[in-house]
Amino acid sequence: MGKSTRRSFGFSNNDEIEYLKLTPELTEEAVDVLNRSFLINESVCKASEINIPNNPDSIQARKDLSELCRIVARDGVSLVAKHVPSNKIVSVAFNKVQFIDPAINQSFFEEFRDVSCLSPNSKCLMNYMINMDQRINVFDQFSIDCVIEIMFLATLPEFERKGIGRNLTKYSVNLAEELGRGVGTEHIDESLVQRVPKGVAALWTSSYSAIIGKN
């Protein structure tokens, strides 16, 4: 499991925002940010009807995807942004170490969909992610075997348009570069220490996040 060691990556917005490694004690607050922003407002979440407040399948889908993020957080490569004056988490990048292993028949997302998704709505979103990964196979395209995927990037609505998501992405790339050099492996899950990321991948599904990706 990702270790609880605190690590700060830097500050922005007149030192009001601090960028931190997501540790176990911050995970539930980070999941709450996802539920209050990404799962309500993100384009594919809307298309999958995950954002409908009182629909039972939507409620279950949000539970499914919250559990996905808890599992992903254990890798130890996810990051959060903290609003220093209020000491609350306002943005999160749930990052997953993705790798090729000939002994594994299914991808991580395929296994989660088949084993842990109880709602057709969450399965719909997972199918989209799986299909996109298959259409643009970064492993084949760049002849690599391990990447860090920025799976979900979420910011509370009142903190949007402040460059926080862009900075979380920048620090995620910096972290991948460090791990690629063998630096900072003490902060990640022990089972992943031998997995050396050689790139960063993400699916950008809004015009705002696409600009972040391009930059």
Protein backbone atom coordinates (compact mmCIF):
# COMPACT_ATOMS: atom_id res chain seq x y z
CA MET A 1 0.00 0.00 0.00
CA GLY A 2 1.14 3.56 -0.67
CA LYS A 3 3.04 4.77 2.38
CA SER A 4 1.86 7.61 4.63
CA THR A 5 5.14 9.53 4.36
CA ARG A 6 4.35 13.20 3.82
CA ARG A 7 5.90 14.79 0.76
CA SER A 8 5.40 18.30 -0.55
CA PHE A 9 6.00 19.05 -4.24
CA GLY A 10 5.58 22.82 -4.07
CA PHE A 11 3.21 25.76 -3.72
CA SER A 12 1.23 28.09 -5.96
CA ASN A 13 -1.34 30.91 -5.80
CA ASN A 14 0.66 33.04 -3.35
CA ASP A 15 1.46 29.94 -1.30
CA GLU A 16 -2.23 29.29 -0.63
CA ILE A 17 -2.14 25.96 -2.50
CA GLU A 18 0.29 23.19 -1.53
CA TYR A 19 0.82 20.08 -3.66
CA LEU A 20 1.23 16.86 -1.71
CA LYS A 21 1.56 13.13 -2.18
CA LEU A 22 -1.78 11.46 -1.52
CA THR A 23 -1.32 9.49 1.70
CA PRO A 24 -3.78 7.01 3.26
CA GLU A 25 -5.01 9.54 5.80
CA LEU A 26 -5.97 11.97 2.99
CA THR A 27 -7.64 9.42 0.73
CA GLU A 28 -11.25 9.81 1.88
CA GLU A 29 -11.07 13.59 1.58
CA ALA A 30 -9.65 13.19 -1.94
CA VAL A 31 -12.46 10.76 -2.85
CA ASP A 32 -14.94 13.34 -1.58
CA VAL A 33 -13.44 15.91 -3.98
CA LEU A 34 -14.01 13.44 -6.82
CA ASN A 35 -17.64 12.94 -5.79
CA ARG A 36 -18.28 16.67 -5.52
CA SER A 37 -16.77 17.56 -8.88
CA PHE A 38 -15.58 14.97 -11.41
CA LEU A 39 -18.41 12.44 -10.99
CA ILE A 40 -20.98 15.23 -11.35
CA ASN A 41 -19.53 17.49 -14.03
CA GLU A 42 -17.17 15.42 -16.21
CA SER A 43 -18.43 14.75 -19.75
CA VAL A 44 -18.23 10.94 -19.79
CA CYS A 45 -19.74 10.76 -16.30
CA LYS A 46 -22.72 12.73 -17.61
CA ALA A 47 -22.97 10.51 -20.70
CA SER A 48 -22.87 7.43 -18.46
CA GLU A 49 -25.55 8.97 -16.21
CA ILE A 50 -23.33 8.69 -13.16
CA ASN A 51 -24.29 12.21 -12.08
CA ILE A 52 -28.03 11.65 -11.50
CA PRO A 53 -28.56 12.35 -7.75
CA ASN A 54 -31.23 9.86 -6.70
CA ASN A 55 -30.97 7.17 -9.35
CA PRO A 56 -29.97 3.85 -7.71
CA ASP A 57 -27.63 2.85 -10.57
CA SER A 58 -25.98 6.27 -10.44
CA ILE A 59 -25.53 6.09 -6.69
CA GLN A 60 -23.97 2.64 -6.99
CA ALA A 61 -21.75 3.85 -9.85
CA ARG A 62 -20.34 6.62 -7.67
CA LYS A 63 -19.65 4.05 -4.96
CA ASP A 64 -17.92 1.79 -7.50
CA LEU A 65 -15.70 4.58 -8.82
CA SER A 66 -14.90 5.81 -5.33
CA GLU A 67 -13.65 2.31 -4.53
CA LEU A 68 -11.62 2.33 -7.76
CA CYS A 69 -9.88 5.48 -6.53
CA ARG A 70 -9.17 3.97 -3.11
CA ILE A 71 -7.50 1.02 -4.82
CA VAL A 72 -5.52 3.24 -7.18
CA ALA A 73 -4.37 5.43 -4.28
CA ARG A 74 -2.51 2.44 -2.83
CA ASP A 75 0.03 2.67 -5.66
CA GLY A 76 1.46 5.74 -3.94
CA VAL A 77 1.70 7.95 -7.05
CA SER A 78 -1.47 10.04 -6.67
CA LEU A 79 -1.25 13.71 -5.71
CA VAL A 80 -3.52 16.26 -4.04
CA ALA A 81 -3.72 20.02 -3.74
CA LYS A 82 -4.40 21.46 -0.29
CA HIS A 83 -5.83 24.91 0.38
CA VAL A 84 -3.46 26.02 3.13
CA PRO A 85 -5.70 28.61 4.87
CA SER A 86 -8.54 26.11 5.32
CA ASN A 87 -6.35 22.98 5.47
CA LYS A 88 -8.70 21.16 3.10
CA ILE A 89 -8.05 19.12 -0.04
CA VAL A 90 -9.43 20.95 -3.09
CA SER A 91 -8.05 18.97 -6.02
CA VAL A 92 -6.70 15.48 -6.74
CA ALA A 93 -4.92 13.54 -9.45
CA PHE A 94 -5.68 9.85 -9.00
CA ASN A 95 -2.70 8.29 -10.78
CA LYS A 96 -2.26 4.60 -11.63
CA VAL A 97 0.91 2.70 -12.46
CA GLN A 98 -0.01 0.79 -15.61
CA PHE A 99 2.29 -1.91 -16.95
CA ILE A 100 2.51 -4.90 -19.26
CA ASP A 101 2.82 -8.28 -17.60
CA PRO A 102 2.61 -11.39 -19.84
CA ALA A 103 1.32 -13.38 -16.85
CA ILE A 104 -1.76 -11.15 -16.53
CA ASN A 105 -4.57 -11.74 -19.04
CA GLN A 106 -6.66 -8.66 -18.23
CA SER A 107 -5.78 -5.03 -17.83
CA PHE A 108 -6.31 -3.41 -14.44
CA PHE A 109 -9.42 -1.59 -15.69
CA GLU A 110 -10.87 -4.77 -17.24
CA GLU A 111 -10.43 -6.68 -14.00
CA PHE A 112 -11.99 -3.89 -11.94
CA ARG A 113 -14.95 -3.68 -14.32
CA ASP A 114 -15.59 -7.41 -14.23
CA VAL A 115 -15.03 -7.94 -10.50
CA SER A 116 -15.94 -4.71 -8.73
CA CYS A 117 -18.43 -2.73 -10.84
CA LEU A 118 -21.95 -3.38 -9.57
CA SER A 119 -23.65 -0.68 -11.62
CA PRO A 120 -24.16 -0.68 -15.41
CA ASN A 121 -23.31 3.03 -15.33
CA SER A 122 -19.85 2.51 -13.86
CA LYS A 123 -19.30 -0.37 -16.30
CA CYS A 124 -20.19 2.03 -19.12
CA LEU A 125 -17.51 4.49 -18.01
CA MET A 126 -14.94 1.73 -17.53
CA ASN A 127 -15.72 0.39 -21.02
CA TYR A 128 -15.04 3.83 -22.45
CA MET A 129 -11.67 3.98 -20.69
CA ILE A 130 -10.79 0.45 -21.79
CA ASN A 131 -11.79 1.09 -25.40
CA MET A 132 -9.77 4.30 -25.57
CA ASP A 133 -6.73 2.56 -24.10
CA GLN A 134 -7.05 -0.12 -26.77
CA ARG A 135 -7.48 2.39 -29.60
CA ILE A 136 -4.40 4.36 -28.56
CA ASN A 137 -2.06 1.76 -27.11
CA VAL A 138 0.82 3.79 -25.70
CA PHE A 139 2.79 0.65 -24.89
CA ASP A 140 2.88 -0.41 -28.54
CA GLN A 141 3.12 3.08 -29.95
CA PHE A 142 6.20 4.02 -27.93
CA SER A 143 7.65 0.53 -27.30
CA ILE A 144 7.45 0.88 -23.52
CA ASP A 145 6.17 -1.38 -20.76
CA CYS A 146 5.18 0.97 -17.93
CA VAL A 147 3.49 4.36 -17.61
CA ILE A 148 1.82 6.46 -14.95
CA GLU A 149 -1.74 7.15 -16.04
CA ILE A 150 -3.46 10.26 -14.76
CA MET A 151 -6.74 8.43 -14.36
CA PHE A 152 -9.01 11.08 -12.81
CA LEU A 153 -8.17 14.76 -12.37
CA ALA A 154 -10.72 16.55 -10.16
CA THR A 155 -10.99 20.05 -8.67
CA LEU A 156 -13.73 21.48 -6.49
CA PRO A 157 -15.80 23.95 -8.58
CA GLU A 158 -14.93 26.93 -6.38
CA PHE A 159 -11.21 26.31 -7.00
CA GLU A 160 -11.36 25.81 -10.76
CA ARG A 161 -9.60 28.14 -13.24
CA LYS A 162 -6.72 28.75 -10.85
CA GLY A 163 -4.13 26.52 -12.55
CA ILE A 164 -4.38 23.85 -9.85
CA GLY A 165 -5.16 20.97 -12.23
CA ARG A 166 -2.31 22.06 -14.49
CA ASN A 167 0.10 22.05 -11.55
CA LEU A 168 -1.06 18.62 -10.37
CA THR A 169 -0.41 17.34 -13.89
CA LYS A 170 3.03 18.96 -13.95
CA TYR A 171 3.99 17.41 -10.64
CA SER A 172 2.62 14.03 -11.76
CA VAL A 173 4.95 14.19 -14.77
CA ASN A 174 7.84 15.22 -12.51
CA LEU A 175 7.10 12.25 -10.23
CA ALA A 176 7.09 9.86 -13.19
CA GLU A 177 10.45 11.25 -14.34
CA GLU A 178 11.89 10.76 -10.84
CA LEU A 179 10.68 7.18 -10.61
CA GLY A 180 12.06 6.56 -14.08
CA ARG A 181 15.48 7.49 -12.67
CA GLY A 182 14.97 5.28 -9.63
CA VAL A 183 14.40 8.26 -7.31
CA GLY A 184 11.64 8.32 -4.68
CA THR A 185 10.69 4.65 -4.84
CA GLU A 186 10.45 4.60 -1.05
CA HIS A 187 7.17 6.50 -1.38
CA ILE A 188 5.35 3.96 -3.58
CA ASP A 189 3.84 0.54 -3.03
CA GLU A 190 6.50 -2.10 -2.57
CA SER A 191 5.01 -4.31 -5.29
CA LEU A 192 5.66 -1.55 -7.84
CA VAL A 193 9.24 -0.66 -7.00
CA GLN A 194 10.56 -2.69 -9.93
CA ARG A 195 8.08 -1.09 -12.36
CA VAL A 196 9.90 1.79 -14.04
CA PRO A 197 7.56 4.34 -15.67
CA LYS A 198 8.74 5.49 -19.08
CA GLY A 199 5.90 7.87 -19.80
CA VAL A 200 2.70 9.55 -18.61
CA ALA A 201 -0.71 8.90 -20.17
CA ALA A 202 -4.13 10.48 -19.72
CA LEU A 203 -7.55 10.71 -21.36
CA TRP A 204 -8.56 14.37 -21.58
CA THR A 205 -12.35 14.57 -21.98
CA SER A 206 -13.03 18.30 -21.66
CA SER A 207 -11.72 21.36 -23.47
CA TYR A 208 -10.18 22.57 -20.20
CA SER A 209 -8.34 19.33 -19.46
CA ALA A 210 -7.30 19.06 -23.13
CA ILE A 211 -5.54 22.42 -22.76
CA ILE A 212 -3.76 21.09 -19.68
CA GLY A 213 -2.66 18.02 -21.61
CA LYS A 214 -1.45 20.07 -24.56
CA ASN A 215 0.54 22.39 -22.32
